[in-house]
Amino acid sequence: MNYKEENWYNDIIDRLKDHEGMDQDDFYDVLYQEIDNMVIYNSDSHRIVDDLNYDVFQEHDVYGRADNINQAAYAALSDLFEEGSFTYEDYNNKQITQ
């Protein structure tokens, strides 16, 4: 991961850590809600797509082709999180040790 990817990845993790006491289903619900919150503004979405070097015209395996910049940024952040190593078990362990 380059430093821009790492920054976005860590931002997602920090947002997840702000929520306490989640079970595994809640973890993934909150994950995608937080990603959705990150792409509300077009300016943020443009920055995400640029920083993550995401091809807005590509056909995504899960989401299909993006209709707008916000959908492209959502897919980019989702992919970034999936490529990382942070899991529900990591979240659960962090909650215990804090």
C-alpha atoms as a PDB file:
ATOM      1  CA  MET A   1       0.000   0.000   0.000  1.00  0.00           C
ATOM      2  CA  ASN A   2       1.255   3.465  -0.776  1.00  0.00           C
ATOM      3  CA  TYR A   3       0.856   6.240   1.789  1.00  0.00           C
ATOM      4  CA  LYS A   4      -2.393   7.589   0.290  1.00  0.00           C
ATOM      5  CA  GLU A   5      -3.960   4.136   0.317  1.00  0.00           C
ATOM      6  CA  GLU A   6      -2.737   3.645   3.872  1.00  0.00           C
ATOM      7  CA  ASN A   7      -4.300   6.944   4.958  1.00  0.00           C
ATOM      8  CA  TRP A   8      -7.711   6.018   3.542  1.00  0.00           C
ATOM      9  CA  TYR A   9      -7.451   2.489   4.954  1.00  0.00           C
ATOM     10  CA  ASN A  10      -6.559   3.801   8.406  1.00  0.00           C
ATOM     11  CA  ASP A  11      -9.423   6.301   8.200  1.00  0.00           C
ATOM     12  CA  ILE A  12     -11.870   3.421   7.685  1.00  0.00           C
ATOM     13  CA  ILE A  13     -10.372   1.489  10.607  1.00  0.00           C
ATOM     14  CA  ASP A  14     -10.493   4.548  12.880  1.00  0.00           C
ATOM     15  CA  ARG A  15     -14.156   5.047  12.021  1.00  0.00           C
ATOM     16  CA  LEU A  16     -14.864   1.402  12.888  1.00  0.00           C
ATOM     17  CA  LYS A  17     -13.043   1.715  16.206  1.00  0.00           C
ATOM     18  CA  ASP A  18     -15.310   4.634  17.147  1.00  0.00           C
ATOM     19  CA  HIS A  19     -18.182   2.142  17.447  1.00  0.00           C
ATOM     20  CA  GLU A  20     -18.170  -0.025  20.541  1.00  0.00           C
ATOM     21  CA  GLY A  21     -19.655  -3.415  21.232  1.00  0.00           C
ATOM     22  CA  MET A  22     -20.485  -4.522  17.714  1.00  0.00           C
ATOM     23  CA  ASP A  23     -21.122  -8.128  16.806  1.00  0.00           C
ATOM     24  CA  GLN A  24     -19.878  -9.435  13.461  1.00  0.00           C
ATOM     25  CA  ASP A  25     -23.050  -8.513  11.553  1.00  0.00           C
ATOM     26  CA  ASP A  26     -22.978  -5.001  12.996  1.00  0.00           C
ATOM     27  CA  PHE A  27     -19.292  -4.702  12.100  1.00  0.00           C
ATOM     28  CA  TYR A  28     -19.971  -5.142   8.394  1.00  0.00           C
ATOM     29  CA  ASP A  29     -23.112  -3.008   8.481  1.00  0.00           C
ATOM     30  CA  VAL A  30     -21.177  -0.185  10.136  1.00  0.00           C
ATOM     31  CA  LEU A  31     -18.227  -0.686   7.777  1.00  0.00           C
ATOM     32  CA  TYR A  32     -20.338  -0.081   4.695  1.00  0.00           C
ATOM     33  CA  GLN A  33     -22.268   2.730   6.364  1.00  0.00           C
ATOM     34  CA  GLU A  34     -18.979   4.477   7.192  1.00  0.00           C
ATOM     35  CA  ILE A  35     -17.724   4.002   3.634  1.00  0.00           C
ATOM     36  CA  ASP A  36     -21.018   5.455   2.431  1.00  0.00           C
ATOM     37  CA  ASN A  37     -20.509   8.445   4.748  1.00  0.00           C
ATOM     38  CA  MET A  38     -17.026   8.985   3.321  1.00  0.00           C
ATOM     39  CA  VAL A  39     -18.338   9.413  -0.235  1.00  0.00           C
ATOM     40  CA  ILE A  40     -21.239  11.801   0.379  1.00  0.00           C
ATOM     41  CA  TYR A  41     -19.448  14.820  -1.069  1.00  0.00           C
ATOM     42  CA  ASN A  42     -18.292  14.857  -4.685  1.00  0.00           C
ATOM     43  CA  SER A  43     -15.043  16.615  -3.758  1.00  0.00           C
ATOM     44  CA  ASP A  44     -14.162  13.834  -1.294  1.00  0.00           C
ATOM     45  CA  SER A  45     -15.141  11.196  -3.838  1.00  0.00           C
ATOM     46  CA  HIS A  46     -12.902  12.772  -6.489  1.00  0.00           C
ATOM     47  CA  ARG A  47     -10.004  12.807  -4.032  1.00  0.00           C
ATOM     48  CA  ILE A  48     -10.610   9.151  -3.090  1.00  0.00           C
ATOM     49  CA  VAL A  49     -10.727   8.052  -6.724  1.00  0.00           C
ATOM     50  CA  ASP A  50      -7.571  10.038  -7.526  1.00  0.00           C
ATOM     51  CA  ASP A  51      -5.659   8.904  -4.433  1.00  0.00           C
ATOM     52  CA  LEU A  52      -6.556   5.268  -4.968  1.00  0.00           C
ATOM     53  CA  ASN A  53      -5.954   5.469  -8.716  1.00  0.00           C
ATOM     54  CA  TYR A  54      -9.365   3.895  -9.334  1.00  0.00           C
ATOM     55  CA  ASP A  55     -10.603   3.488 -12.901  1.00  0.00           C
ATOM     56  CA  VAL A  56     -14.107   4.987 -12.802  1.00  0.00           C
ATOM     57  CA  PHE A  57     -15.039   3.254 -16.067  1.00  0.00           C
ATOM     58  CA  GLN A  58     -14.233  -0.274 -14.957  1.00  0.00           C
ATOM     59  CA  GLU A  59     -16.896  -2.886 -14.336  1.00  0.00           C
ATOM     60  CA  HIS A  60     -16.735  -3.792 -10.642  1.00  0.00           C
ATOM     61  CA  ASP A  61     -17.283  -7.458  -9.724  1.00  0.00           C
ATOM     62  CA  VAL A  62     -19.831  -6.650  -7.021  1.00  0.00           C
ATOM     63  CA  TYR A  63     -21.207  -3.181  -7.784  1.00  0.00           C
ATOM     64  CA  GLY A  64     -21.065  -3.112 -11.570  1.00  0.00           C
ATOM     65  CA  ARG A  65     -20.105   0.034 -13.446  1.00  0.00           C
ATOM     66  CA  ALA A  66     -20.380   3.228 -11.418  1.00  0.00           C
ATOM     67  CA  ASP A  67     -23.013   5.740 -12.532  1.00  0.00           C
ATOM     68  CA  ASN A  68     -21.298   8.601 -10.722  1.00  0.00           C
ATOM     69  CA  ILE A  69     -18.124   9.561  -8.897  1.00  0.00           C
ATOM     70  CA  ASN A  70     -19.614   8.689  -5.500  1.00  0.00           C
ATOM     71  CA  GLN A  71     -20.322   5.110  -6.548  1.00  0.00           C
ATOM     72  CA  ALA A  72     -16.809   4.787  -7.973  1.00  0.00           C
ATOM     73  CA  ALA A  73     -15.303   6.064  -4.704  1.00  0.00           C
ATOM     74  CA  TYR A  74     -17.481   3.651  -2.719  1.00  0.00           C
ATOM     75  CA  ALA A  75     -16.239   0.711  -4.798  1.00  0.00           C
ATOM     76  CA  ALA A  76     -12.635   1.917  -4.467  1.00  0.00           C
ATOM     77  CA  LEU A  77     -12.842   2.151  -0.660  1.00  0.00           C
ATOM     78  CA  SER A  78     -14.631  -1.173  -0.435  1.00  0.00           C
ATOM     79  CA  ASP A  79     -11.899  -2.826  -2.491  1.00  0.00           C
ATOM     80  CA  LEU A  80      -9.208  -1.127  -0.428  1.00  0.00           C
ATOM     81  CA  PHE A  81     -10.680  -2.462   2.800  1.00  0.00           C
ATOM     82  CA  GLU A  82     -11.068  -5.963   1.366  1.00  0.00           C
ATOM     83  CA  GLU A  83      -7.404  -5.946   0.275  1.00  0.00           C
ATOM     84  CA  GLY A  84      -6.292  -5.027   3.790  1.00  0.00           C
ATOM     85  CA  SER A  85      -5.910  -7.334   6.732  1.00  0.00           C
ATOM     86  CA  PHE A  86      -8.196  -5.731   9.341  1.00  0.00           C
ATOM     87  CA  THR A  87     -11.034  -8.079  10.321  1.00  0.00           C
ATOM     88  CA  TYR A  88     -13.808  -8.318  12.871  1.00  0.00           C
ATOM     89  CA  GLU A  89     -11.465 -10.369  15.054  1.00  0.00           C
ATOM     90  CA  ASP A  90      -8.946  -7.495  14.994  1.00  0.00           C
ATOM     91  CA  TYR A  91     -11.703  -5.062  15.933  1.00  0.00           C
ATOM     92  CA  ASN A  92     -12.843  -7.340  18.740  1.00  0.00           C
ATOM     93  CA  ASN A  93      -9.275  -7.714  20.065  1.00  0.00           C
ATOM     94  CA  LYS A  94      -8.730  -3.936  19.961  1.00  0.00           C
ATOM     95  CA  GLN A  95     -11.890  -3.396  22.013  1.00  0.00           C
ATOM     96  CA  ILE A  96     -10.654  -5.810  24.701  1.00  0.00           C
ATOM     97  CA  THR A  97      -7.192  -4.252  24.972  1.00  0.00           C
ATOM     98  CA  GLN A  98      -8.330  -0.632  25.103  1.00  0.00           C
END
